[in-house]
């Protein structure tokens, strides 16, 4: 939680503004289930950068928080895993993974 204290919302918005505006399916999933990446970070008690990393370069790391995500959102393990695997495929095609 200390990350959220050190990184205010304006700093988070500054980081996000530097990112490409292409919205991948995992980013849409996070926005749909949590409202925004920042809210996701607050609810799961991770840094906003961690959420950014999930949809930009390491989606599988999100599965570490699967029990909390399934408990706090209207989703299933299968749906979450499907979103993560689909994003991994996208990143492989883009040459990131």
N, C-alpha and C. Protein backbone atom coordinates (compact mmCIF):
# COMPACT_ATOMS: atom_id res chain seq x y z
N UNK A 1 0.81 -1.18 0.00
CA UNK A 1 0.00 0.00 0.00
C UNK A 1 0.86 1.25 0.00
N UNK A 2 2.13 1.14 0.45
CA UNK A 2 2.99 2.31 0.50
C UNK A 2 3.22 2.90 -0.88
N UNK A 3 3.12 2.06 -1.92
CA UNK A 3 3.31 2.55 -3.28
C UNK A 3 2.25 3.57 -3.65
N UNK A 4 1.03 3.33 -3.20
CA UNK A 4 -0.06 4.24 -3.53
C UNK A 4 0.08 5.56 -2.80
N UNK A 5 0.70 5.54 -1.64
CA UNK A 5 0.93 6.78 -0.91
C UNK A 5 2.02 7.58 -1.62
N UNK A 6 3.09 6.89 -2.02
CA UNK A 6 4.20 7.57 -2.69
C UNK A 6 3.85 8.01 -4.11
N UNK A 7 2.99 7.26 -4.76
CA UNK A 7 2.63 7.58 -6.14
C UNK A 7 1.20 8.09 -6.15
N UNK A 8 1.05 9.40 -6.21
CA UNK A 8 -0.29 9.98 -6.24
C UNK A 8 -0.96 9.74 -7.57
N UNK A 9 -2.23 10.08 -7.62
CA UNK A 9 -3.01 9.85 -8.83
C UNK A 9 -2.47 10.66 -10.00
N UNK A 10 -1.99 11.88 -9.74
CA UNK A 10 -1.46 12.71 -10.84
C UNK A 10 -0.20 12.08 -11.43
N UNK A 11 0.64 11.49 -10.58
CA UNK A 11 1.84 10.83 -11.07
C UNK A 11 1.46 9.59 -11.89
N UNK A 12 0.46 8.88 -11.43
CA UNK A 12 -0.03 7.70 -12.16
C UNK A 12 -0.55 8.12 -13.53
N UNK A 13 -1.32 9.20 -13.60
CA UNK A 13 -1.85 9.69 -14.87
C UNK A 13 -0.71 10.10 -15.80
N UNK A 14 0.35 10.66 -15.24
CA UNK A 14 1.52 11.06 -16.04
C UNK A 14 2.18 9.83 -16.67
N UNK A 15 2.31 8.77 -15.90
CA UNK A 15 2.90 7.52 -16.41
C UNK A 15 2.02 6.97 -17.53
N UNK A 16 0.72 6.93 -17.27
CA UNK A 16 -0.21 6.36 -18.24
C UNK A 16 -0.25 7.18 -19.53
N UNK A 17 -0.05 8.50 -19.44
CA UNK A 17 -0.10 9.33 -20.64
C UNK A 17 1.07 9.05 -21.57
N UNK A 18 2.16 8.51 -21.04
CA UNK A 18 3.33 8.18 -21.86
C UNK A 18 3.18 6.84 -22.57
N UNK A 19 2.23 6.04 -22.15
CA UNK A 19 1.99 4.72 -22.73
C UNK A 19 1.23 4.86 -24.04
N UNK A 20 1.40 3.91 -24.93
CA UNK A 20 0.59 3.94 -26.15
C UNK A 20 -0.90 3.84 -25.78
N UNK A 21 -1.74 4.49 -26.53
CA UNK A 21 -3.15 4.53 -26.19
C UNK A 21 -3.93 3.33 -26.71
N UNK A 22 -3.23 2.36 -27.26
CA UNK A 22 -3.87 1.14 -27.74
C UNK A 22 -4.36 0.36 -26.52
N UNK A 23 -5.64 0.03 -26.51
CA UNK A 23 -6.22 -0.69 -25.38
C UNK A 23 -6.35 -2.16 -25.72
N UNK A 24 -5.53 -2.98 -25.10
CA UNK A 24 -5.60 -4.41 -25.34
C UNK A 24 -6.74 -5.02 -24.52
N UNK A 25 -7.03 -6.27 -24.80
CA UNK A 25 -8.16 -6.93 -24.14
C UNK A 25 -7.96 -7.06 -22.63
N UNK A 26 -6.74 -7.29 -22.18
CA UNK A 26 -6.50 -7.41 -20.74
C UNK A 26 -6.72 -6.07 -20.06
N UNK A 27 -6.30 -5.00 -20.69
CA UNK A 27 -6.52 -3.66 -20.14
C UNK A 27 -8.03 -3.37 -20.08
N UNK A 28 -8.76 -3.77 -21.11
CA UNK A 28 -10.21 -3.59 -21.12
C UNK A 28 -10.86 -4.43 -20.00
N UNK A 29 -10.35 -5.65 -19.81
CA UNK A 29 -10.86 -6.53 -18.76
C UNK A 29 -10.67 -5.88 -17.39
N UNK A 30 -9.49 -5.34 -17.14
CA UNK A 30 -9.20 -4.68 -15.86
C UNK A 30 -10.12 -3.48 -15.68
N UNK A 31 -10.29 -2.67 -16.72
CA UNK A 31 -11.16 -1.50 -16.64
C UNK A 31 -12.61 -1.91 -16.39
N UNK A 32 -13.04 -2.97 -17.03
CA UNK A 32 -14.43 -3.43 -16.87
C UNK A 32 -14.68 -3.96 -15.47
N UNK A 33 -13.75 -4.72 -14.95
CA UNK A 33 -13.96 -5.36 -13.65
C UNK A 33 -13.66 -4.45 -12.46
N UNK A 34 -12.69 -3.54 -12.61
CA UNK A 34 -12.29 -2.70 -11.49
C UNK A 34 -12.64 -1.22 -11.66
N UNK A 35 -12.92 -0.80 -12.88
CA UNK A 35 -13.20 0.61 -13.15
C UNK A 35 -12.02 1.31 -13.78
N UNK A 36 -10.81 1.00 -13.31
CA UNK A 36 -9.58 1.55 -13.89
C UNK A 36 -8.39 0.76 -13.36
N UNK A 37 -7.25 0.99 -13.97
CA UNK A 37 -6.03 0.33 -13.50
C UNK A 37 -5.65 0.80 -12.10
N UNK A 38 -5.87 2.08 -11.84
CA UNK A 38 -5.54 2.62 -10.52
C UNK A 38 -6.42 2.01 -9.44
N UNK A 39 -7.71 1.86 -9.71
CA UNK A 39 -8.60 1.23 -8.73
C UNK A 39 -8.21 -0.23 -8.52
N UNK A 40 -7.81 -0.89 -9.60
CA UNK A 40 -7.36 -2.28 -9.49
C UNK A 40 -6.17 -2.36 -8.54
N UNK A 41 -5.21 -1.47 -8.71
CA UNK A 41 -4.03 -1.45 -7.85
C UNK A 41 -4.42 -1.23 -6.39
N UNK A 42 -5.33 -0.32 -6.15
CA UNK A 42 -5.76 -0.04 -4.78
C UNK A 42 -6.47 -1.24 -4.16
N UNK A 43 -7.37 -1.86 -4.92
CA UNK A 43 -8.14 -2.99 -4.39
C UNK A 43 -7.24 -4.19 -4.11
N UNK A 44 -6.28 -4.46 -5.00
CA UNK A 44 -5.40 -5.62 -4.83
C UNK A 44 -4.16 -5.30 -3.99
N UNK A 45 -4.02 -4.03 -3.59
CA UNK A 45 -2.89 -3.59 -2.76
C UNK A 45 -1.55 -3.86 -3.41
N UNK A 46 -1.47 -3.45 -4.70
CA UNK A 46 -0.21 -3.51 -5.44
C UNK A 46 0.07 -2.12 -5.97
N UNK A 47 1.25 -1.92 -6.50
CA UNK A 47 1.57 -0.61 -7.05
C UNK A 47 0.89 -0.46 -8.42
N UNK A 48 0.58 0.78 -8.80
CA UNK A 48 0.02 1.00 -10.13
C UNK A 48 0.95 0.48 -11.23
N UNK A 49 2.25 0.55 -11.01
CA UNK A 49 3.20 0.06 -12.00
C UNK A 49 3.05 -1.45 -12.20
N UNK A 50 2.71 -2.17 -11.15
CA UNK A 50 2.48 -3.60 -11.27
C UNK A 50 1.34 -3.89 -12.23
N UNK A 51 0.25 -3.15 -12.11
CA UNK A 51 -0.90 -3.35 -13.00
C UNK A 51 -0.51 -3.00 -14.44
N UNK A 52 0.26 -1.94 -14.61
CA UNK A 52 0.74 -1.56 -15.94
C UNK A 52 1.58 -2.69 -16.53
N UNK A 53 2.44 -3.28 -15.71
CA UNK A 53 3.29 -4.38 -16.17
C UNK A 53 2.47 -5.59 -16.59
N UNK A 54 1.35 -5.84 -15.90
CA UNK A 54 0.51 -6.98 -16.25
C UNK A 54 0.02 -6.86 -17.68
N UNK A 55 -0.43 -5.69 -18.08
CA UNK A 55 -0.97 -5.61 -19.44
C UNK A 55 0.03 -5.16 -20.47
N UNK A 56 1.23 -4.77 -20.06
CA UNK A 56 2.21 -4.33 -21.05
C UNK A 56 3.34 -5.32 -21.30
N UNK A 57 3.69 -6.14 -20.28
CA UNK A 57 4.80 -7.06 -20.52
C UNK A 57 4.79 -8.38 -19.75
N UNK A 58 3.98 -8.53 -18.73
CA UNK A 58 4.00 -9.78 -17.97
C UNK A 58 2.60 -10.14 -17.45
N UNK A 59 1.70 -10.52 -18.34
CA UNK A 59 0.33 -10.80 -17.90
C UNK A 59 0.21 -11.99 -16.95
N UNK A 60 1.09 -12.96 -17.07
CA UNK A 60 0.98 -14.16 -16.23
C UNK A 60 1.16 -13.84 -14.75
N UNK A 61 1.88 -12.77 -14.43
CA UNK A 61 2.07 -12.38 -13.03
C UNK A 61 0.75 -12.03 -12.35
N UNK A 62 -0.24 -11.66 -13.15
CA UNK A 62 -1.56 -11.33 -12.61
C UNK A 62 -2.21 -12.54 -11.94
N UNK A 63 -1.87 -13.73 -12.39
CA UNK A 63 -2.47 -14.94 -11.85
C UNK A 63 -2.10 -15.18 -10.39
N UNK A 64 -1.03 -14.54 -9.92
CA UNK A 64 -0.66 -14.63 -8.51
C UNK A 64 -1.79 -14.08 -7.63
N UNK A 65 -2.54 -13.14 -8.19
CA UNK A 65 -3.62 -12.49 -7.45
C UNK A 65 -4.99 -13.03 -7.85
N UNK A 66 -5.02 -14.16 -8.53
CA UNK A 66 -6.28 -14.74 -9.01
C UNK A 66 -7.31 -14.96 -7.89
N UNK A 67 -6.93 -15.50 -6.74
CA UNK A 67 -7.95 -15.69 -5.69
C UNK A 67 -8.63 -14.38 -5.29
N UNK A 68 -7.84 -13.31 -5.14
CA UNK A 68 -8.41 -12.01 -4.76
C UNK A 68 -9.27 -11.44 -5.89
N UNK A 69 -8.81 -11.59 -7.13
CA UNK A 69 -9.56 -11.06 -8.27
C UNK A 69 -10.89 -11.77 -8.41
N UNK A 70 -10.89 -13.08 -8.30
CA UNK A 70 -12.14 -13.86 -8.42
C UNK A 70 -13.08 -13.51 -7.26
N UNK A 71 -12.53 -13.32 -6.06
CA UNK A 71 -13.37 -13.00 -4.90
C UNK A 71 -13.96 -11.59 -4.98
N UNK A 72 -13.22 -10.65 -5.53
CA UNK A 72 -13.65 -9.25 -5.51
C UNK A 72 -14.33 -8.77 -6.78
N UNK A 73 -14.28 -9.57 -7.83
CA UNK A 73 -14.87 -9.17 -9.11
C UNK A 73 -15.85 -10.24 -9.57
N UNK A 74 -16.69 -9.84 -10.47
CA UNK A 74 -17.65 -10.79 -11.04
C UNK A 74 -16.98 -11.51 -12.20
N UNK A 75 -16.09 -12.45 -11.87
CA UNK A 75 -15.36 -13.20 -12.89
C UNK A 75 -15.06 -14.60 -12.37
N UNK A 76 -14.60 -15.45 -13.26
CA UNK A 76 -14.23 -16.82 -12.88
C UNK A 76 -12.74 -17.03 -13.14
N UNK A 77 -12.21 -18.09 -12.58
CA UNK A 77 -10.81 -18.45 -12.81
C UNK A 77 -10.58 -18.65 -14.30
N UNK A 78 -11.52 -19.33 -14.94
CA UNK A 78 -11.38 -19.65 -16.37
C UNK A 78 -11.33 -18.39 -17.22
N UNK A 79 -12.23 -17.45 -16.93
CA UNK A 79 -12.25 -16.20 -17.69
C UNK A 79 -10.95 -15.42 -17.49
N UNK A 80 -10.49 -15.34 -16.25
CA UNK A 80 -9.25 -14.63 -15.95
C UNK A 80 -8.07 -15.27 -16.67
N UNK A 81 -7.95 -16.58 -16.58
CA UNK A 81 -6.85 -17.28 -17.24
C UNK A 81 -6.91 -17.10 -18.75
N UNK A 82 -8.12 -17.11 -19.31
CA UNK A 82 -8.28 -16.90 -20.74
C UNK A 82 -7.80 -15.53 -21.18
N UNK A 83 -8.13 -14.50 -20.39
CA UNK A 83 -7.68 -13.14 -20.70
C UNK A 83 -6.15 -13.04 -20.65
N UNK A 84 -5.57 -13.67 -19.62
CA UNK A 84 -4.11 -13.64 -19.46
C UNK A 84 -3.43 -14.35 -20.63
N UNK A 85 -3.92 -15.52 -20.99
CA UNK A 85 -3.31 -16.27 -22.08
C UNK A 85 -3.48 -15.56 -23.43
N UNK A 86 -4.62 -14.93 -23.63
CA UNK A 86 -4.83 -14.17 -24.87
C UNK A 86 -3.86 -13.00 -24.96
N UNK A 87 -3.63 -12.33 -23.83
CA UNK A 87 -2.67 -11.20 -23.83
C UNK A 87 -1.25 -11.70 -24.07
N UNK A 88 -0.90 -12.85 -23.52
CA UNK A 88 0.42 -13.42 -23.77
C UNK A 88 0.62 -13.68 -25.25
N UNK A 89 -0.40 -14.22 -25.90
CA UNK A 89 -0.31 -14.45 -27.35
C UNK A 89 -0.11 -13.14 -28.12
N UNK A 90 -0.84 -12.08 -27.72
CA UNK A 90 -0.68 -10.78 -28.36
C UNK A 90 0.75 -10.27 -28.20
N UNK A 91 1.29 -10.40 -26.98
CA UNK A 91 2.65 -9.91 -26.72
C UNK A 91 3.69 -10.72 -27.49
N UNK A 92 3.45 -12.01 -27.67
CA UNK A 92 4.38 -12.83 -28.47
C UNK A 92 4.36 -12.38 -29.92
N UNK A 93 3.18 -12.08 -30.44
CA UNK A 93 3.06 -11.59 -31.81
C UNK A 93 3.72 -10.23 -32.00
N UNK A 94 3.66 -9.40 -30.93
CA UNK A 94 4.29 -8.08 -30.98
C UNK A 94 5.80 -8.16 -30.75
N UNK A 95 6.30 -9.32 -30.34
CA UNK A 95 7.73 -9.49 -30.09
C UNK A 95 8.19 -9.06 -28.70
N UNK A 96 7.25 -8.84 -27.80
CA UNK A 96 7.60 -8.42 -26.44
C UNK A 96 8.03 -9.62 -25.61
N UNK A 97 7.36 -10.75 -25.78
CA UNK A 97 7.71 -11.96 -25.03
C UNK A 97 8.54 -12.90 -25.89
